[in-house]
Amino acid sequence: MNMMELQQLSVRSNKEGFTKENIKAPQARFNKLILDIALAKPLWNFEVTKIRAYEKTVQMVKVYQHGEELGYIEWEYFRGEYGFEIGNDRIERARERTSAYRTHDEKKALAAIKKTFSPKNTGERINEAVKQAEKLVNNEAWEKAQKHRSTKSTYNEKALEFVAGVPAMFYNYLKDRNELHVLEKHQEAELEMQTLQDLQQKLGACSVVIKVDGGYIVKTGDKIETLTDTTLPDHMKAKLGMLKLVDDEHFITNIGGKVKADVFVLTPEEGEAK
């Protein structure tokens, strides 16, 4: 069998659109290895799956017997020169650092192929089937979980619409279960959220107050003032008095926030916010 015959052998039934007209025979050593295998294993079929981009020569072939893939053989560059890379599931399971066997020696390559390229035994088929089944179940479980999250979101939305539409019924339901605190906490959290969101929109109308020796520097909008305890407006005094009692970075609804010991932000009085 010469190179042309091997080329014709290698490209039959390939799946990548390679034909004997658009590729060249493999490199001589690679060609000889495949030739030796083809002569030793006449029942094996070879399928070209990769060619070198510039030379258009065969770089990888997959080996089949009766339609079952036995492995692949590739002409690959490693450790300073080209050689043979041989791989299949059996080889991958046996190796720790790499997933394929590599050698520059044709005889070792041929021996490895003869040793490891064979139809899967019963145990291997079962293990492969189990892995495929696990993958299918895991994929389906993920998809169904995603679907459930989507439907649960819609379900919860409709449930909330119902509760909002019959507040007295929901109130009595919680009261009978001695769980009114659930409603109260929710209403409190909702009020705080709405207050802060509203404040975000009106932040320019808030007053930023810096406590300094002998008084306060107050910025409200574009206006900056230096005030004393005497000239500071009563509503600001009241709010500062409450905020001084809380921890730094704490906010009190409708009052303001304590940034740190000497910096405060005060909510605008009704009618001041724009």
Protein backbone atom coordinates (compact mmCIF):
# COMPACT_ATOMS: atom_id res chain seq x y z
CA MET A 1 0.00 0.00 0.00
CA ASN A 2 1.59 3.31 -1.07
CA MET A 3 0.91 6.84 0.18
CA MET A 4 -1.88 7.47 -2.29
CA GLU A 5 -3.64 4.25 -1.33
CA LEU A 6 -3.24 5.14 2.33
CA GLN A 7 -4.59 8.62 1.64
CA GLN A 8 -7.69 7.14 0.07
CA LEU A 9 -8.04 4.73 2.98
CA SER A 10 -7.70 7.51 5.54
CA VAL A 11 -10.28 9.89 4.14
CA ARG A 12 -13.15 7.53 3.56
CA SER A 13 -16.36 8.34 5.48
CA ASN A 14 -14.78 11.37 7.18
CA LYS A 15 -17.09 13.95 8.77
CA GLU A 16 -15.12 17.15 8.16
CA GLY A 17 -15.48 17.44 4.41
CA PHE A 18 -11.91 16.30 3.74
CA THR A 19 -11.43 14.48 0.46
CA LYS A 20 -8.46 12.96 -1.29
CA GLU A 21 -8.49 15.99 -3.59
CA ASN A 22 -8.08 18.62 -0.84
CA ILE A 23 -5.55 16.97 1.48
CA LYS A 24 -2.11 15.47 1.14
CA ALA A 25 -0.80 12.20 2.57
CA PRO A 26 0.53 12.28 6.17
CA GLN A 27 4.16 12.97 7.00
CA ALA A 28 6.28 9.93 6.11
CA ARG A 29 6.70 8.52 9.64
CA PHE A 30 3.05 9.12 10.46
CA ASN A 31 2.09 7.61 7.12
CA LYS A 32 4.17 4.48 7.83
CA LEU A 33 2.65 4.02 11.29
CA ILE A 34 -0.89 4.13 9.94
CA LEU A 35 0.14 1.83 7.08
CA ASP A 36 1.56 -0.71 9.55
CA ILE A 37 -1.65 -0.53 11.60
CA ALA A 38 -3.86 -0.88 8.53
CA LEU A 39 -1.98 -3.98 7.43
CA ALA A 40 -2.08 -5.49 10.93
CA LYS A 41 -5.75 -4.63 11.53
CA PRO A 42 -7.62 -4.96 8.22
CA LEU A 43 -11.02 -4.53 9.93
CA TRP A 44 -10.15 -1.07 11.19
CA ASN A 45 -11.33 2.07 9.43
CA PHE A 46 -9.51 5.39 9.54
CA GLU A 47 -11.17 8.79 9.48
CA VAL A 48 -9.30 12.06 8.98
CA THR A 49 -10.37 14.56 11.65
CA LYS A 50 -7.62 17.18 11.44
CA ILE A 51 -5.23 18.47 8.79
CA ARG A 52 -2.30 20.85 9.08
CA ALA A 53 -3.49 24.29 7.99
CA TYR A 54 -0.65 25.22 5.65
CA GLU A 55 0.70 21.92 4.36
CA LYS A 56 -2.79 20.36 4.06
CA THR A 57 -1.31 17.10 5.31
CA VAL A 58 -3.17 14.68 7.56
CA GLN A 59 -2.48 15.46 11.23
CA MET A 60 -4.99 13.28 13.06
CA VAL A 61 -7.03 10.20 12.32
CA LYS A 62 -9.65 8.42 14.37
CA VAL A 63 -9.80 4.66 14.29
CA TYR A 64 -13.05 2.69 14.12
CA GLN A 65 -14.11 -0.93 14.09
CA HIS A 66 -17.67 -1.76 13.06
CA GLY A 67 -18.63 1.85 13.71
CA GLU A 68 -17.23 2.00 17.26
CA GLU A 69 -14.48 4.54 17.85
CA LEU A 70 -11.36 2.90 19.26
CA GLY A 71 -9.19 6.00 19.66
CA TYR A 72 -7.20 8.62 17.79
CA ILE A 73 -3.64 8.95 16.47
CA GLU A 74 -2.12 12.40 15.99
CA TRP A 75 1.14 13.71 14.56
CA GLU A 76 2.00 16.27 17.24
CA TYR A 77 4.92 18.47 18.28
CA PHE A 78 6.24 17.86 21.80
CA ARG A 79 9.57 17.77 23.65
CA GLY A 80 11.36 19.54 20.81
CA GLU A 81 10.25 17.43 17.85
CA TYR A 82 7.27 15.80 16.18
CA GLY A 83 5.99 12.45 17.38
CA PHE A 84 2.92 10.35 17.96
CA GLU A 85 0.06 11.16 20.34
CA ILE A 86 -2.30 8.29 21.00
CA GLY A 87 -5.48 8.60 22.99
CA ASN A 88 -8.78 7.05 24.01
CA ASP A 89 -10.81 6.68 27.20
CA ARG A 90 -8.81 3.64 28.27
CA ILE A 91 -5.50 5.48 28.01
CA GLU A 92 -6.88 8.54 29.77
CA ARG A 93 -8.08 6.51 32.75
CA ALA A 94 -4.67 4.86 33.10
CA ARG A 95 -2.66 8.10 33.06
CA GLU A 96 -2.37 10.64 35.87
CA ARG A 97 -0.57 13.69 34.44
CA THR A 98 -1.73 13.65 30.82
CA SER A 99 -4.80 12.32 29.02
CA ALA A 100 -2.86 10.76 26.11
CA TYR A 101 0.25 8.65 25.46
CA ARG A 102 3.10 10.39 23.60
CA THR A 103 6.22 8.92 22.08
CA HIS A 104 8.70 9.59 19.28
CA ASP A 105 9.27 5.86 18.77
CA GLU A 106 7.15 4.23 16.03
CA LYS A 107 7.46 0.77 17.59
CA LYS A 108 6.25 1.98 20.99
CA ALA A 109 3.41 3.84 19.31
CA LEU A 110 2.36 0.74 17.38
CA ALA A 111 2.56 -1.42 20.52
CA ALA A 112 0.43 1.07 22.49
CA ILE A 113 -2.20 1.15 19.75
CA LYS A 114 -2.40 -2.64 19.51
CA LYS A 115 -2.65 -2.90 23.30
CA THR A 116 -5.28 -0.23 23.94
CA PHE A 117 -7.32 0.03 20.74
CA SER A 118 -10.09 -2.54 21.01
CA PRO A 119 -13.87 -2.51 21.42
CA LYS A 120 -15.05 -1.64 24.92
CA ASN A 121 -15.63 -4.57 27.24
CA THR A 122 -18.82 -4.99 29.25
CA GLY A 123 -17.50 -3.14 32.28
CA GLU A 124 -16.32 -0.20 30.20
CA ARG A 125 -19.63 -0.01 28.38
CA ILE A 126 -21.52 0.00 31.67
CA ASN A 127 -19.27 2.68 33.16
CA GLU A 128 -19.70 4.83 30.07
CA ALA A 129 -23.47 4.33 30.15
CA VAL A 130 -23.58 5.26 33.84
CA LYS A 131 -21.62 8.47 33.19
CA GLN A 132 -23.89 9.36 30.29
CA ALA A 133 -26.96 8.66 32.42
CA GLU A 134 -25.58 10.80 35.26
CA LYS A 135 -24.86 13.61 32.82
CA LEU A 136 -28.38 13.41 31.41
CA VAL A 137 -29.97 13.40 34.88
CA ASN A 138 -27.78 16.28 36.09
CA ASN A 139 -28.53 18.35 33.00
CA GLU A 140 -32.24 17.68 33.27
CA ALA A 141 -32.20 18.44 37.00
CA TRP A 142 -30.50 21.79 36.32
CA GLU A 143 -32.99 22.65 33.58
CA LYS A 144 -35.97 21.70 35.73
CA ALA A 145 -34.56 23.70 38.66
CA GLN A 146 -34.27 26.72 36.36
CA LYS A 147 -37.85 26.19 35.20
CA HIS A 148 -39.03 25.86 38.79
CA ARG A 149 -37.30 29.09 39.79
CA SER A 150 -39.02 30.84 36.91
CA THR A 151 -42.48 29.46 37.73
CA LYS A 152 -41.96 30.04 41.45
CA SER A 153 -41.22 33.69 40.79
CA THR A 154 -44.44 34.06 38.82
CA TYR A 155 -46.36 32.05 41.43
CA ASN A 156 -45.08 34.22 44.28
CA GLU A 157 -45.91 37.34 42.32
CA LYS A 158 -49.50 36.21 41.84
CA ALA A 159 -49.75 35.15 45.49
CA LEU A 160 -48.62 38.61 46.57
CA GLU A 161 -51.17 40.18 44.23
CA PHE A 162 -53.87 38.09 45.89
CA VAL A 163 -52.70 39.02 49.40
CA ALA A 164 -52.59 42.69 48.46
CA GLY A 165 -56.12 42.43 47.07
CA VAL A 166 -57.59 40.95 50.26
CA PRO A 167 -55.53 42.45 53.09
CA ALA A 168 -58.20 41.79 55.72
CA MET A 169 -58.27 38.07 54.88
CA PHE A 170 -54.49 37.83 55.07
CA TYR A 171 -54.44 39.83 58.33
CA ASN A 172 -56.92 37.43 59.91
CA TYR A 173 -54.98 34.45 58.60
CA LEU A 174 -51.79 35.66 60.32
CA LYS A 175 -53.70 36.66 63.45
CA ASP A 176 -55.22 33.19 63.78
CA ARG A 177 -51.73 31.71 63.51
CA ASN A 178 -50.29 34.24 65.97
CA GLU A 179 -47.92 35.48 63.25
CA LEU A 180 -48.87 39.11 62.87
CA HIS A 181 -45.21 39.96 63.45
CA VAL A 182 -44.50 38.66 59.95
CA LEU A 183 -46.77 41.31 58.43
CA GLU A 184 -45.47 44.02 60.73
CA LYS A 185 -41.82 43.32 59.90
CA HIS A 186 -42.60 43.23 56.21
CA GLN A 187 -44.46 46.53 56.34
CA GLU A 188 -41.63 48.10 58.32
CA ALA A 189 -39.00 46.87 55.87
CA GLU A 190 -41.07 48.00 52.90
CA LEU A 191 -41.51 51.47 54.41
CA GLU A 192 -37.77 51.78 55.07
CA MET A 193 -36.96 50.64 51.55
CA GLN A 194 -39.42 53.07 49.97
CA THR A 195 -38.16 55.90 52.18
CA LEU A 196 -34.55 55.32 51.17
CA GLN A 197 -35.44 54.94 47.51
CA ASP A 198 -37.36 58.19 47.68
CA LEU A 199 -34.43 59.80 49.48
CA GLN A 200 -32.08 58.68 46.71
CA GLN A 201 -34.17 60.69 44.27
CA LYS A 202 -34.13 63.74 46.55
CA LEU A 203 -30.59 63.48 47.88
CA GLY A 204 -29.78 67.00 46.71
CA ALA A 205 -32.38 68.36 49.12
CA CYS A 206 -30.89 66.64 52.15
CA SER A 207 -28.67 68.49 54.58
CA VAL A 208 -25.12 67.31 55.17
CA VAL A 209 -23.93 68.42 58.61
CA ILE A 210 -20.35 68.45 59.86
CA LYS A 211 -19.86 68.95 63.60
CA VAL A 212 -16.98 71.32 64.30
CA ASP A 213 -15.70 73.12 67.37
CA GLY A 214 -18.24 75.73 68.34
CA GLY A 215 -20.88 74.79 65.82
CA TYR A 216 -21.82 73.14 62.55
CA ILE A 217 -21.09 73.41 58.83
CA VAL A 218 -24.37 72.70 57.01
CA LYS A 219 -24.77 72.13 53.27
CA THR A 220 -28.32 72.02 51.89
CA GLY A 221 -28.45 71.94 48.11
CA ASP A 222 -26.00 74.58 46.91
CA LYS A 223 -26.23 76.56 50.14
CA ILE A 224 -23.43 76.27 52.72
CA GLU A 225 -23.78 77.81 56.20
CA THR A 226 -21.80 77.90 59.42
CA LEU A 227 -24.25 77.64 62.32
CA THR A 228 -24.10 77.47 66.10
CA ASP A 229 -26.28 75.68 68.61
CA THR A 230 -28.27 78.90 68.79
CA THR A 231 -28.79 79.40 65.04
CA LEU A 232 -29.20 75.72 64.10
CA PRO A 233 -32.89 75.11 63.19
CA ASP A 234 -34.87 73.17 65.79
CA HIS A 235 -35.77 70.33 63.41
CA MET A 236 -32.07 69.78 62.69
CA LYS A 237 -31.24 69.84 66.42
CA ALA A 238 -33.87 67.18 67.08
CA LYS A 239 -32.63 64.93 64.30
CA LEU A 240 -28.98 65.34 65.29
CA GLY A 241 -29.90 64.54 68.87
CA MET A 242 -31.34 61.19 67.80
CA LEU A 243 -28.54 60.36 65.37
CA LYS A 244 -25.82 61.04 67.92
CA LEU A 245 -27.18 58.08 69.89
CA VAL A 246 -26.79 55.50 67.12
CA ASP A 247 -23.75 53.76 65.66
CA ASP A 248 -21.79 55.05 62.69
CA GLU A 249 -23.23 54.24 59.26
CA HIS A 250 -26.69 53.82 60.76
CA PHE A 251 -29.87 55.27 59.25
CA ILE A 252 -33.14 56.18 60.95
CA THR A 253 -36.19 56.40 58.71
CA ASN A 254 -37.44 59.95 58.14
CA ILE A 255 -34.61 61.30 60.30
CA GLY A 256 -31.34 60.75 58.49
CA GLY A 257 -28.08 58.92 58.84
CA LYS A 258 -24.92 59.04 60.93
CA VAL A 259 -21.93 58.71 58.59
CA LYS A 260 -19.42 58.94 61.42
CA ALA A 261 -19.06 60.75 64.75
CA ASP A 262 -18.96 64.24 63.24
CA VAL A 263 -20.75 63.80 59.88
CA PHE A 264 -24.51 63.44 59.43
CA VAL A 265 -27.06 63.52 56.63
CA LEU A 266 -30.54 64.83 57.51
CA THR A 267 -33.72 64.20 55.57
CA PRO A 268 -35.50 67.30 54.27
CA GLU A 269 -38.52 68.57 56.10
CA GLU A 270 -41.87 68.15 54.41
CA GLY A 271 -42.18 70.76 51.69
CA GLU A 272 -38.41 71.25 51.38
CA ALA A 273 -37.67 68.26 49.11
CA LYS A 274 -37.77 68.95 45.40
